[in-house]
């Protein structure tokens, strides 16, 4: 009970930190890592007793899956070259650089232990970076590069980590074998993830009337992708990413509005708890590491961690500036391409390490195959926490001022995109209204009221797009203002409005599939439509009859009562 009481108390502290972060516009991950470090000063705290493999399984697949489901695929396609540069070669270069620095600073550190540390801290954490960047609005190219890097560099780093750990445990390493295993595990992982994502959505389509069951399936999906892939020697990380991307891509057509709203809320809570707990575990483990190694080495360990932090920051900057210059010369000038030197500077500074690095460090085995202690495990965990602490505090707290200094605060591209999309959506609803209004026997005043409201909505978003420098669609002028809806309780109103919403949803999905709007704008529009549908369904007790596997349209609506 003592351990449970401590964890509950610390979770309460994390909630308080979230409130403080929102109140003072301070990045929440930065406060979390500060709180985790403060735990080292509290005496007599219990040490976490979770097995490293259990820690890895509980934290990494869900966090990766959540990021994958929300991945902006359109922006990923546009920024595929910088994402690849940061996700594969930079991770490997950073891993080798960290191993060199570690061996130079502490010759007693074996090369295998240095490579393990390098693999752990080589990959920035997308969750931490995007959490910090929620306080600012940056161009889509920047956020896409940072988020895409965080997702795919995990695969590179974790595969490299697994190979480095295997070399440290067994004492043997073969480059040819490592490359073949890399290719095989990556390919098989992607294929398994696709199958799991397809199967999960197929099951969830059939349990739409059981929202709790649907949520359970959603929470189990990352584990269903990770565990079989890991058992077959494939990349569990890529399996989770593949499953998440597939589900996120098809969720708008496959799931009901109530299911999407509930699943999003559930995953937001789960992500918050996991991110909070991982720093709690580190904070509880840190004083024990210091005690086991002796306080006489604390100064050397702190200095070692500081120099490793400088190494990963320097390598990232040294890699990105030449890469950015090359892109400006060689890469065609496409819309929203990642070519601006100010954007390159921001991405170079946003190499924030976070929860995943900590989880991987805690998962390092305690012993090798011969039964000896894993070389330098305590130093690896300590240095990882030091790098995470330094990047979250140093880079996290300075990111917002840097964005303002570089003149990148203000995402007018996304705002213009949203205004255009909402115009298209409103006009799609009006077109459906004109189709139905004259044939379904609805009172003319109900049809007129809906028509006036949506013409007003379309004109409002057209004006917004014009203010942002876009070319608004020409909308029909039919009445002024937003008249009151006297027939708000009318069954006819609700029937027409639900049908209009379905047409609007289809229009938004088409815009997303064509690449006209990104994932962020699609989620905003979809959430608004979902909430309105839930209100309409709750008020009249409607049910929708599914007519095809894609749920691309609603053929029949039955109204009760």
Protein backbone atom coordinates (compact mmCIF):
# COMPACT_ATOMS: atom_id res chain seq x y z
CA UNK A 1 0.00 0.00 0.00
CA UNK A 2 2.89 2.35 0.72
CA UNK A 3 4.01 2.27 -2.90
CA UNK A 4 0.48 2.82 -4.18
CA UNK A 5 0.00 5.78 -1.85
CA UNK A 6 3.21 7.36 -3.10
CA UNK A 7 2.27 6.93 -6.75
CA UNK A 8 -1.21 8.38 -6.19
CA UNK A 9 0.28 11.32 -4.34
CA UNK A 10 2.75 11.97 -7.14
CA UNK A 11 0.04 11.74 -9.76
CA UNK A 12 -1.82 14.40 -7.82
CA UNK A 13 1.32 16.51 -7.95
CA UNK A 14 1.43 16.01 -11.73
CA UNK A 15 -2.12 17.33 -12.02
CA UNK A 16 -1.10 20.37 -10.00
CA UNK A 17 1.90 20.87 -12.28
CA UNK A 18 -0.40 20.76 -15.31
CA UNK A 19 -2.53 23.54 -13.80
CA UNK A 20 0.56 25.62 -13.06
CA UNK A 21 1.90 25.05 -16.57
CA UNK A 22 -1.35 26.27 -18.12
CA UNK A 23 -1.56 29.21 -15.72
CA UNK A 24 1.96 30.51 -16.40
CA UNK A 25 2.31 29.28 -20.02
CA UNK A 26 5.24 27.03 -19.07
CA UNK A 27 5.80 23.72 -20.92
CA UNK A 28 4.29 20.91 -18.88
CA UNK A 29 7.07 18.37 -19.71
CA UNK A 30 9.65 20.82 -18.40
CA UNK A 31 7.85 21.04 -15.06
CA UNK A 32 7.54 17.24 -14.96
CA UNK A 33 11.24 16.70 -15.35
CA UNK A 34 11.94 19.34 -12.70
CA UNK A 35 9.56 17.52 -10.36
CA UNK A 36 11.24 14.20 -11.12
CA UNK A 37 14.64 15.67 -10.29
CA UNK A 38 13.29 17.10 -7.03
CA UNK A 39 12.35 13.59 -5.94
CA UNK A 40 16.03 12.79 -5.61
CA UNK A 41 16.11 15.15 -2.60
CA UNK A 42 13.28 13.38 -0.75
CA UNK A 43 14.59 10.72 1.65
CA UNK A 44 13.14 7.25 2.24
CA UNK A 45 11.14 7.01 -0.96
CA UNK A 46 10.50 3.42 -2.16
CA UNK A 47 12.33 2.20 -5.23
CA UNK A 48 10.23 1.13 -8.21
CA UNK A 49 10.20 -2.63 -8.57
CA UNK A 50 8.93 -3.01 -12.14
CA UNK A 51 10.87 -5.23 -14.50
CA UNK A 52 12.59 -3.19 -17.27
CA UNK A 53 10.80 -5.21 -19.96
CA UNK A 54 7.48 -4.48 -18.32
CA UNK A 55 8.30 -0.77 -18.16
CA UNK A 56 9.15 -0.73 -21.87
CA UNK A 57 5.97 -2.63 -22.79
CA UNK A 58 3.68 -0.43 -20.70
CA UNK A 59 4.99 2.91 -21.93
CA UNK A 60 6.49 2.79 -25.42
CA UNK A 61 3.74 1.13 -27.55
CA UNK A 62 0.84 3.31 -26.27
CA UNK A 63 2.79 6.58 -26.61
CA UNK A 64 3.96 5.68 -30.12
CA UNK A 65 0.48 4.54 -31.16
CA UNK A 66 -1.14 7.77 -30.01
CA UNK A 67 1.34 9.86 -31.98
CA UNK A 68 0.90 7.64 -35.06
CA UNK A 69 -2.90 7.86 -35.06
CA UNK A 70 -2.67 11.66 -35.07
CA UNK A 71 0.16 11.80 -37.62
CA UNK A 72 -0.17 14.53 -40.31
CA UNK A 73 0.39 12.30 -43.35
CA UNK A 74 0.09 15.07 -45.93
CA UNK A 75 2.84 17.08 -44.25
CA UNK A 76 4.91 13.92 -43.85
CA UNK A 77 4.79 13.35 -47.60
CA UNK A 78 5.82 16.92 -48.31
CA UNK A 79 8.68 16.84 -45.83
CA UNK A 80 9.81 13.25 -46.44
CA UNK A 81 13.42 14.21 -47.26
CA UNK A 82 14.21 16.20 -44.07
CA UNK A 83 12.30 13.65 -42.01
CA UNK A 84 14.42 10.85 -43.46
CA UNK A 85 17.63 12.80 -42.84
CA UNK A 86 16.74 13.32 -39.20
CA UNK A 87 15.25 9.88 -38.62
CA UNK A 88 17.98 7.60 -39.97
CA UNK A 89 21.44 9.04 -40.69
CA UNK A 90 21.37 11.67 -37.93
CA UNK A 91 20.34 9.09 -35.33
CA UNK A 92 23.23 6.80 -36.32
CA UNK A 93 25.74 9.68 -36.43
CA UNK A 94 24.59 10.90 -33.00
CA UNK A 95 24.81 7.39 -31.59
CA UNK A 96 28.42 7.01 -32.75
CA UNK A 97 29.35 10.52 -31.58
CA UNK A 98 27.95 9.88 -28.10
CA UNK A 99 29.87 6.57 -27.89
CA UNK A 100 33.09 8.37 -28.86
CA UNK A 101 32.55 11.13 -26.29
CA UNK A 102 31.61 8.63 -23.57
CA UNK A 103 34.68 6.49 -24.21
CA UNK A 104 36.93 9.56 -24.34
CA UNK A 105 35.58 11.00 -21.08
CA UNK A 106 35.56 7.68 -19.23
CA UNK A 107 37.93 5.17 -20.82
CA UNK A 108 36.57 2.50 -18.49
CA UNK A 109 33.27 2.72 -20.36
CA UNK A 110 33.14 -0.09 -22.92
CA UNK A 111 32.32 0.65 -26.54
CA UNK A 112 29.18 -1.47 -26.29
CA UNK A 113 27.95 0.52 -23.27
CA UNK A 114 28.73 3.77 -25.10
CA UNK A 115 26.74 2.63 -28.12
CA UNK A 116 23.81 1.67 -25.88
CA UNK A 117 23.85 5.15 -24.34
CA UNK A 118 24.16 6.68 -27.81
CA UNK A 119 21.16 4.73 -29.10
CA UNK A 120 19.08 5.80 -26.10
CA UNK A 121 19.74 9.55 -26.33
CA UNK A 122 20.19 9.83 -30.12
CA UNK A 123 16.49 10.22 -30.92
CA UNK A 124 14.51 13.33 -29.86
CA UNK A 125 11.06 12.65 -28.48
CA UNK A 126 8.13 13.85 -30.60
CA UNK A 127 5.73 13.74 -27.64
CA UNK A 128 7.91 16.06 -25.56
CA UNK A 129 8.67 18.40 -28.46
CA UNK A 130 5.05 18.73 -29.59
CA UNK A 131 3.88 19.18 -25.98
CA UNK A 132 6.31 22.06 -25.62
CA UNK A 133 5.28 23.50 -28.99
CA UNK A 134 1.58 23.56 -28.09
CA UNK A 135 2.24 26.95 -26.54
CA UNK A 136 3.23 28.40 -29.92
CA UNK A 137 1.87 28.27 -33.45
CA UNK A 138 4.56 27.36 -35.94
CA UNK A 139 4.36 26.67 -39.69
CA UNK A 140 3.08 23.19 -40.63
CA UNK A 141 6.44 22.33 -42.23
CA UNK A 142 8.22 22.75 -38.89
CA UNK A 143 5.72 20.80 -36.82
CA UNK A 144 5.59 18.03 -39.46
CA UNK A 145 9.38 17.64 -39.54
CA UNK A 146 9.61 17.51 -35.74
CA UNK A 147 6.70 15.10 -35.34
CA UNK A 148 7.73 12.88 -38.25
CA UNK A 149 11.28 12.74 -36.97
CA UNK A 150 10.07 11.77 -33.51
CA UNK A 151 8.00 8.88 -34.85
CA UNK A 152 10.40 7.34 -37.33
CA UNK A 153 13.64 7.99 -35.50
CA UNK A 154 12.25 5.85 -32.69
CA UNK A 155 12.32 2.88 -35.04
CA UNK A 156 15.95 3.54 -36.02
CA UNK A 157 17.08 4.20 -32.46
CA UNK A 158 15.26 1.22 -30.94
CA UNK A 159 16.55 -1.22 -33.55
CA UNK A 160 20.06 0.16 -33.02
CA UNK A 161 19.52 -0.04 -29.27
CA UNK A 162 18.47 -3.68 -29.48
CA UNK A 163 21.57 -4.53 -31.49
CA UNK A 164 23.86 -2.59 -29.14
CA UNK A 165 22.36 -4.30 -26.10
CA UNK A 166 22.73 -7.69 -27.77
CA UNK A 167 26.40 -6.93 -28.45
CA UNK A 168 26.92 -5.84 -24.82
CA UNK A 169 25.14 -8.90 -23.42
CA UNK A 170 26.71 -11.53 -25.69
CA UNK A 171 30.01 -9.81 -26.48
CA UNK A 172 29.65 -10.49 -30.24
CA UNK A 173 28.61 -8.25 -33.16
CA UNK A 174 28.36 -8.75 -36.94
CA UNK A 175 27.64 -5.77 -39.21
CA UNK A 176 26.30 -7.89 -42.08
CA UNK A 177 24.00 -9.79 -39.79
CA UNK A 178 22.86 -6.57 -38.16
CA UNK A 179 21.94 -4.99 -41.52
CA UNK A 180 20.02 -8.05 -42.69
CA UNK A 181 18.16 -8.22 -39.38
CA UNK A 182 17.37 -4.51 -39.68
CA UNK A 183 15.83 -4.92 -43.15
CA UNK A 184 13.88 -8.03 -42.16
CA UNK A 185 12.55 -6.65 -38.88
CA UNK A 186 11.53 -3.36 -40.50
CA UNK A 187 9.66 -4.98 -43.40
CA UNK A 188 7.92 -7.59 -41.28
CA UNK A 189 7.05 -5.01 -38.61
CA UNK A 190 5.36 -2.71 -41.12
CA UNK A 191 3.37 -5.60 -42.62
CA UNK A 192 2.22 -6.92 -39.24
CA UNK A 193 1.22 -3.45 -38.11
CA UNK A 194 -0.90 -2.96 -41.22
CA UNK A 195 -2.72 -6.25 -40.58
CA UNK A 196 -3.32 -5.41 -36.92
CA UNK A 197 -4.64 -1.95 -37.79
CA UNK A 198 -6.98 -3.39 -40.41
CA UNK A 199 -8.23 -6.08 -38.03
CA UNK A 200 -8.73 -3.65 -35.15
CA UNK A 201 -10.87 -1.33 -37.27
CA UNK A 202 -12.84 -4.28 -38.68
CA UNK A 203 -13.74 -5.35 -35.15
CA UNK A 204 -14.49 -1.83 -33.94
CA UNK A 205 -16.93 -1.30 -36.81
CA UNK A 206 -19.04 -4.13 -35.38
CA UNK A 207 -19.12 -2.90 -31.78
CA UNK A 208 -20.21 0.69 -32.32
CA UNK A 209 -23.12 0.20 -29.92
CA UNK A 210 -20.68 -0.91 -27.17
CA UNK A 211 -18.45 2.14 -26.60
CA UNK A 212 -16.62 0.67 -23.61
CA UNK A 213 -15.71 -2.42 -25.63
CA UNK A 214 -14.56 -0.20 -28.48
CA UNK A 215 -12.33 1.78 -26.11
CA UNK A 216 -10.80 -1.42 -24.76
CA UNK A 217 -10.01 -2.59 -28.30
CA UNK A 218 -8.44 0.79 -29.03
CA UNK A 219 -6.24 0.59 -25.93
CA UNK A 220 -5.19 -2.98 -26.74
CA UNK A 221 -4.31 -2.25 -30.39
CA UNK A 222 -0.71 -1.05 -29.80
CA UNK A 223 0.02 -4.14 -27.71
CA UNK A 224 -1.61 -6.38 -30.33
CA UNK A 225 0.83 -4.91 -32.86
CA UNK A 226 3.93 -4.82 -30.67
CA UNK A 227 3.87 -8.22 -28.96
CA UNK A 228 3.49 -10.51 -32.03
CA UNK A 229 6.03 -8.47 -33.98
CA UNK A 230 8.51 -8.66 -31.14
CA UNK A 231 7.94 -12.42 -30.76
CA UNK A 232 8.63 -12.97 -34.48
CA UNK A 233 11.82 -10.91 -34.41
CA UNK A 234 10.24 -7.98 -36.26
CA UNK A 235 10.33 -4.33 -35.27
CA UNK A 236 7.58 -3.89 -32.71
CA UNK A 237 8.03 -0.12 -32.95
CA UNK A 238 7.37 -0.03 -36.70
CA UNK A 239 4.44 -2.41 -36.21
CA UNK A 240 2.87 0.01 -33.73
CA UNK A 241 3.53 2.99 -36.03
CA UNK A 242 2.08 1.16 -39.04
CA UNK A 243 -1.05 0.14 -37.12
CA UNK A 244 -1.52 3.66 -35.76
CA UNK A 245 -1.17 5.32 -39.15
CA UNK A 246 -3.65 2.89 -40.72
CA UNK A 247 -6.21 3.45 -37.97
CA UNK A 248 -5.78 7.21 -38.06
CA UNK A 249 -6.14 7.25 -41.83
CA UNK A 250 -9.45 5.31 -41.88
CA UNK A 251 -10.99 6.32 -38.56
CA UNK A 252 -13.15 9.08 -40.03
CA UNK A 253 -15.03 6.58 -42.20
CA UNK A 254 -14.99 3.57 -39.92
CA UNK A 255 -16.14 4.89 -36.52
CA UNK A 256 -19.18 6.72 -35.23
CA UNK A 257 -18.97 10.29 -33.88
CA UNK A 258 -19.55 9.23 -30.26
CA UNK A 259 -16.82 6.59 -30.51
CA UNK A 260 -14.28 9.06 -31.91
CA UNK A 261 -15.01 11.64 -29.20
CA UNK A 262 -14.78 9.09 -26.40
CA UNK A 263 -11.64 7.42 -27.77
CA UNK A 264 -9.86 10.77 -28.11
CA UNK A 265 -10.67 11.69 -24.50
CA UNK A 266 -9.56 8.27 -23.26
CA UNK A 267 -6.25 8.42 -25.09
CA UNK A 268 -5.56 11.97 -23.90
CA UNK A 269 -5.91 10.79 -20.30
CA UNK A 270 -3.82 7.66 -20.87
CA UNK A 271 -1.05 9.67 -22.54
CA UNK A 272 -0.97 12.19 -19.70
CA UNK A 273 -0.72 9.45 -17.05
CA UNK A 274 2.01 7.54 -18.89
CA UNK A 275 4.11 10.64 -19.54
CA UNK A 276 3.76 11.66 -15.89
CA UNK A 277 4.52 8.23 -14.44
CA UNK A 278 7.68 7.74 -16.44
CA UNK A 279 9.32 10.75 -14.82
CA UNK A 280 8.03 9.62 -11.42
CA UNK A 281 9.79 6.28 -11.91
CA UNK A 282 13.01 8.04 -12.86
CA UNK A 283 12.78 10.34 -9.85
CA UNK A 284 12.26 7.37 -7.54
CA UNK A 285 15.17 5.43 -9.06
CA UNK A 286 17.71 8.26 -9.20
CA UNK A 287 18.61 8.52 -5.47
CA UNK A 288 19.15 4.75 -5.33
CA UNK A 289 21.53 4.96 -8.31
CA UNK A 290 23.50 7.69 -6.59
CA UNK A 291 23.61 5.72 -3.33
CA UNK A 292 24.77 2.53 -5.04
CA UNK A 293 27.59 4.21 -6.92
CA UNK A 294 28.70 6.48 -4.09
CA UNK A 295 28.28 10.22 -3.73
CA UNK A 296 31.97 10.71 -4.45
CA UNK A 297 31.29 10.09 -8.16
CA UNK A 298 28.23 12.33 -8.35
CA UNK A 299 30.24 15.29 -9.58
CA UNK A 300 31.89 13.25 -12.32
CA UNK A 301 28.54 11.81 -13.39
CA UNK A 302 26.98 15.27 -13.56
CA UNK A 303 29.86 16.53 -15.66
CA UNK A 304 29.65 13.46 -17.89
CA UNK A 305 25.90 14.04 -18.41
CA UNK A 306 26.45 17.71 -19.22
CA UNK A 307 29.08 16.91 -21.87
CA UNK A 308 26.90 14.20 -23.41
CA UNK A 309 24.07 16.75 -23.60
CA UNK A 310 26.33 19.26 -25.35
CA UNK A 311 27.41 16.54 -27.75
CA UNK A 312 23.88 15.63 -28.87
CA UNK A 313 22.95 19.31 -29.27
CA UNK A 314 26.11 20.12 -31.23
CA UNK A 315 25.82 17.10 -33.54
CA UNK A 316 22.23 18.02 -34.38
CA UNK A 317 23.14 21.60 -35.26
CA UNK A 318 26.23 20.58 -37.20
CA UNK A 319 24.14 18.11 -39.20
CA UNK A 320 21.16 20.36 -39.91
CA UNK A 321 22.88 23.49 -41.18
CA UNK A 322 24.68 21.80 -44.11
CA UNK A 323 21.58 19.67 -44.76
CA UNK A 324 19.39 22.78 -44.86
CA UNK A 325 21.78 24.55 -47.21
CA UNK A 326 21.82 21.52 -49.50
CA UNK A 327 18.01 21.38 -49.50
CA UNK A 328 17.78 25.03 -50.54
CA UNK A 329 20.00 24.32 -53.53
CA UNK A 330 18.90 20.83 -54.58
CA UNK A 331 15.30 20.33 -53.47
CA UNK A 332 12.60 21.85 -55.71
CA UNK A 333 10.74 24.80 -54.25
CA UNK A 334 7.43 23.20 -53.37
CA UNK A 335 4.60 24.60 -51.36
CA UNK A 336 5.43 24.73 -47.64
CA UNK A 337 8.76 22.98 -48.19
CA UNK A 338 11.24 22.92 -45.33
CA UNK A 339 13.78 25.33 -46.81
CA UNK A 340 13.61 28.52 -44.74
CA UNK A 341 16.84 29.05 -42.73
CA UNK A 342 14.80 30.23 -39.75
CA UNK A 343 12.80 27.02 -39.81
CA UNK A 344 16.02 25.01 -40.00
CA UNK A 345 17.36 26.93 -36.99
CA UNK A 346 14.21 26.19 -34.98
CA UNK A 347 14.28 22.48 -35.79
CA UNK A 348 18.01 22.37 -34.97
CA UNK A 349 17.24 23.64 -31.48
CA UNK A 350 14.19 21.42 -30.95
CA UNK A 351 16.07 18.21 -30.25
CA UNK A 352 14.22 17.58 -27.00
CA UNK A 353 14.63 14.16 -25.41
CA UNK A 354 11.74 12.89 -23.35
CA UNK A 355 9.82 10.03 -21.83
CA UNK A 356 10.76 7.37 -24.37
CA UNK A 357 14.51 7.82 -23.75
CA UNK A 358 13.91 7.40 -20.03
CA UNK A 359 11.81 4.26 -20.53
CA UNK A 360 14.43 2.69 -22.78
CA UNK A 361 17.17 3.47 -20.27
CA UNK A 362 15.20 1.84 -17.46
CA UNK A 363 14.74 -1.23 -19.70
CA UNK A 364 18.50 -1.84 -20.01
CA UNK A 365 19.19 -5.34 -18.59
CA UNK A 366 20.86 -5.63 -15.20
CA UNK A 367 23.12 -8.57 -16.19
CA UNK A 368 24.80 -9.96 -19.30
CA UNK A 369 24.59 -13.49 -20.68
CA UNK A 370 27.55 -14.53 -18.49
CA UNK A 371 25.78 -13.34 -15.34
CA UNK A 372 28.02 -10.29 -14.87
CA UNK A 373 26.55 -6.85 -14.23
CA UNK A 374 25.66 -4.93 -17.37
CA UNK A 375 28.58 -2.56 -18.03
CA UNK A 376 27.83 0.97 -16.87
CA UNK A 377 24.06 0.52 -16.46
CA UNK A 378 23.84 3.01 -13.59
CA UNK A 379 25.79 5.62 -15.53
CA UNK A 380 23.62 5.03 -18.62
CA UNK A 381 20.41 5.65 -16.69
CA UNK A 382 21.88 8.65 -14.88
CA UNK A 383 23.24 10.21 -18.07
CA UNK A 384 19.95 9.61 -19.89
CA UNK A 385 18.05 11.42 -17.18
CA UNK A 386 20.62 14.20 -17.33
CA UNK A 387 20.18 14.62 -21.10
CA UNK A 388 16.38 14.54 -20.79
CA UNK A 389 16.47 17.03 -17.92
CA UNK A 390 18.82 19.42 -19.71
CA UNK A 391 17.03 19.38 -23.06
CA UNK A 392 13.55 19.68 -21.58
CA UNK A 393 14.54 22.54 -19.28
CA UNK A 394 17.12 24.33 -21.43
CA UNK A 395 15.55 23.85 -24.84
CA UNK A 396 11.95 23.52 -23.66
CA UNK A 397 11.86 26.76 -21.70
CA UNK A 398 13.69 28.72 -24.41
CA UNK A 399 11.67 27.39 -27.37
CA UNK A 400 8.83 29.91 -27.16
CA UNK A 401 11.17 32.94 -27.00
CA UNK A 402 13.18 31.50 -29.88
CA UNK A 403 10.05 31.10 -32.02
CA UNK A 404 9.22 34.75 -31.43
CA UNK A 405 12.80 35.82 -32.10
CA UNK A 406 12.82 33.99 -35.43
CA UNK A 407 9.46 35.45 -36.42
CA UNK A 408 7.77 32.07 -36.77
CA UNK A 409 4.97 32.64 -34.24
CA UNK A 410 1.79 32.74 -36.27
CA UNK A 411 0.48 29.84 -38.32
CA UNK A 412 -1.44 31.78 -40.98
CA UNK A 413 -1.14 28.87 -43.43
CA UNK A 414 -3.15 26.55 -41.22
CA UNK A 415 -5.69 29.25 -40.34
CA UNK A 416 -6.24 30.01 -44.03
CA UNK A 417 -6.51 26.30 -44.77
CA UNK A 418 -9.14 25.88 -42.05
CA UNK A 419 -11.17 28.86 -43.30
CA UNK A 420 -11.23 27.46 -46.84
CA UNK A 421 -12.13 23.97 -45.63
CA UNK A 422 -15.01 25.24 -43.49
CA UNK A 423 -16.36 27.13 -46.50
CA UNK A 424 -16.32 23.96 -48.56
CA UNK A 425 -17.96 22.03 -45.73
CA UNK A 426 -20.70 24.62 -45.28
CA UNK A 427 -21.46 24.66 -49.02
CA UNK A 428 -21.61 20.85 -49.06
CA UNK A 429 -24.21 21.01 -46.31
CA UNK A 430 -26.20 23.56 -48.27
CA UNK A 431 -26.11 21.39 -51.38
CA UNK A 432 -27.49 18.45 -49.38
CA UNK A 433 -30.19 20.72 -47.94
CA UNK A 434 -31.29 21.81 -51.41
CA UNK A 435 -31.49 18.14 -52.48
CA UNK A 436 -33.63 17.13 -49.51
CA UNK A 437 -35.64 20.22 -48.75
CA UNK A 438 -38.01 19.88 -51.67
CA UNK A 439 -38.63 16.14 -51.52
CA UNK A 440 -38.93 15.05 -47.89
CA UNK A 441 -41.94 17.12 -46.83
CA UNK A 442 -40.11 19.33 -44.34
CA UNK A 443 -41.80 22.64 -43.46
CA UNK A 444 -40.55 25.46 -45.71
CA UNK A 445 -39.68 27.64 -42.71
CA UNK A 446 -37.35 24.95 -41.37
CA UNK A 447 -35.55 24.66 -44.70
CA UNK A 448 -35.30 28.45 -45.00
CA UNK A 449 -33.87 28.80 -41.50
CA UNK A 450 -31.19 26.18 -42.14
CA UNK A 451 -30.39 27.80 -45.47
CA UNK A 452 -29.97 31.25 -43.89
CA UNK A 453 -27.77 29.93 -41.09
CA UNK A 454 -25.40 28.09 -43.42
CA UNK A 455 -25.16 30.88 -45.96
CA UNK A 456 -24.19 33.13 -43.09
CA UNK A 457 -21.62 30.55 -41.93
CA UNK A 458 -20.14 30.23 -45.42
CA UNK A 459 -19.88 34.04 -45.79
CA UNK A 460 -18.22 34.32 -42.38
CA UNK A 461 -15.49 31.80 -43.27
CA UNK A 462 -15.07 33.39 -46.71
CA UNK A 463 -14.39 36.72 -45.00
CA UNK A 464 -11.94 35.01 -42.67
CA UNK A 465 -10.06 33.42 -45.59
CA UNK A 466 -9.95 36.79 -47.37
CA UNK A 467 -8.40 38.40 -44.27
CA UNK A 468 -5.69 35.72 -44.29
CA UNK A 469 -4.82 36.39 -47.93
CA UNK A 470 -6.68 33.52 -49.56
CA UNK A 471 -9.20 33.43 -52.40
CA UNK A 472 -12.61 32.76 -50.86
CA UNK A 473 -15.29 30.83 -52.69
CA UNK A 474 -18.21 32.81 -54.10
CA UNK A 475 -21.26 32.13 -51.93
CA UNK A 476 -24.86 32.99 -52.58
CA UNK A 477 -26.16 35.98 -50.64
CA UNK A 478 -29.49 35.08 -49.04
CA UNK A 479 -30.52 37.19 -46.10
CA UNK A 480 -28.51 38.95 -43.45
CA UNK A 481 -27.45 37.87 -39.99
CA UNK A 482 -28.10 34.74 -38.04
CA UNK A 483 -31.82 34.48 -37.31
CA UNK A 484 -33.08 32.64 -34.28
CA UNK A 485 -34.25 29.07 -34.69
CA UNK A 486 -37.79 28.93 -33.34
CA UNK A 487 -38.15 25.33 -34.44
CA UNK A 488 -35.03 24.10 -32.69
CA UNK A 489 -36.97 21.17 -31.23
CA UNK A 490 -38.38 20.21 -34.60
CA UNK A 491 -37.85 16.64 -35.73
CA UNK A 492 -37.65 17.89 -39.29
CA UNK A 493 -34.84 20.27 -38.38
CA UNK A 494 -32.84 17.49 -36.79
CA UNK A 495 -33.40 15.10 -39.66
CA UNK A 496 -32.24 17.64 -42.21
CA UNK A 497 -29.31 18.78 -40.09
CA UNK A 498 -28.01 15.23 -39.51
CA UNK A 499 -28.10 14.58 -43.25
CA UNK A 500 -26.30 17.86 -43.88
CA UNK A 501 -23.63 16.95 -41.34
CA UNK A 502 -22.98 13.66 -43.10
CA UNK A 503 -22.52 15.53 -46.39
CA UNK A 504 -20.20 17.98 -44.65
CA UNK A 505 -18.18 15.13 -43.18
CA UNK A 506 -17.81 13.50 -46.60
CA UNK A 507 -16.63 16.83 -48.04
CA UNK A 508 -14.03 17.18 -45.28
CA UNK A 509 -12.81 13.61 -45.84
CA UNK A 510 -12.44 14.27 -49.56
CA UNK A 511 -10.40 17.40 -48.85
CA UNK A 512 -8.18 15.38 -46.53
CA UNK A 513 -7.71 12.52 -49.00
CA UNK A 514 -6.79 14.97 -51.77
CA UNK A 515 -4.24 16.67 -49.53
CA UNK A 516 -6.05 20.01 -49.53
CA UNK A 517 -6.20 20.02 -45.72
CA UNK A 518 -3.93 18.43 -43.17
CA UNK A 519 -4.66 16.16 -40.24
CA UNK A 520 -4.93 18.99 -37.72
CA UNK A 521 -7.62 20.88 -39.64
CA UNK A 522 -9.43 17.62 -40.38
CA UNK A 523 -9.56 16.78 -36.66
CA UNK A 524 -10.89 20.24 -35.78
CA UNK A 525 -13.71 20.03 -38.33
CA UNK A 526 -14.48 16.41 -37.53
CA UNK A 527 -14.68 17.09 -33.80
CA UNK A 528 -17.14 19.98 -34.31
CA UNK A 529 -19.35 17.83 -36.52
CA UNK A 530 -19.15 14.88 -34.11
CA UNK A 531 -20.21 16.99 -31.13
CA UNK A 532 -23.18 18.41 -33.05
CA UNK A 533 -24.27 14.92 -34.14
CA UNK A 534 -24.09 13.66 -30.55
CA UNK A 535 -26.29 16.52 -29.36
CA UNK A 536 -28.84 15.87 -32.10
CA UNK A 537 -28.91 12.12 -31.49
CA UNK A 538 -29.21 12.48 -27.74
CA UNK A 539 -32.11 14.88 -28.06
CA UNK A 540 -34.29 12.70 -30.28
CA UNK A 541 -32.98 9.16 -29.69
CA UNK A 542 -31.97 8.58 -33.28
CA UNK A 543 -29.99 5.70 -34.63
CA UNK A 544 -28.06 5.37 -37.85
CA UNK A 545 -28.18 2.27 -39.96
CA UNK A 546 -24.82 1.31 -41.45
CA UNK A 547 -25.04 0.35 -45.11
CA UNK A 548 -21.43 -0.30 -46.07
CA UNK A 549 -18.11 -1.11 -44.47
CA UNK A 550 -16.64 2.34 -45.02
CA UNK A 551 -19.57 4.26 -43.49
CA UNK A 552 -19.07 6.75 -46.27
CA UNK A 553 -22.77 7.66 -46.24
CA UNK A 554 -25.87 7.27 -44.18
CA UNK A 555 -28.66 5.76 -46.25
CA UNK A 556 -31.42 5.80 -43.73
CA UNK A 557 -32.20 7.73 -40.55
CA UNK A 558 -34.99 6.62 -38.20
CA UNK A 559 -36.37 9.05 -35.69
CA UNK A 560 -38.11 7.86 -32.52
CA UNK A 561 -40.42 9.78 -30.27
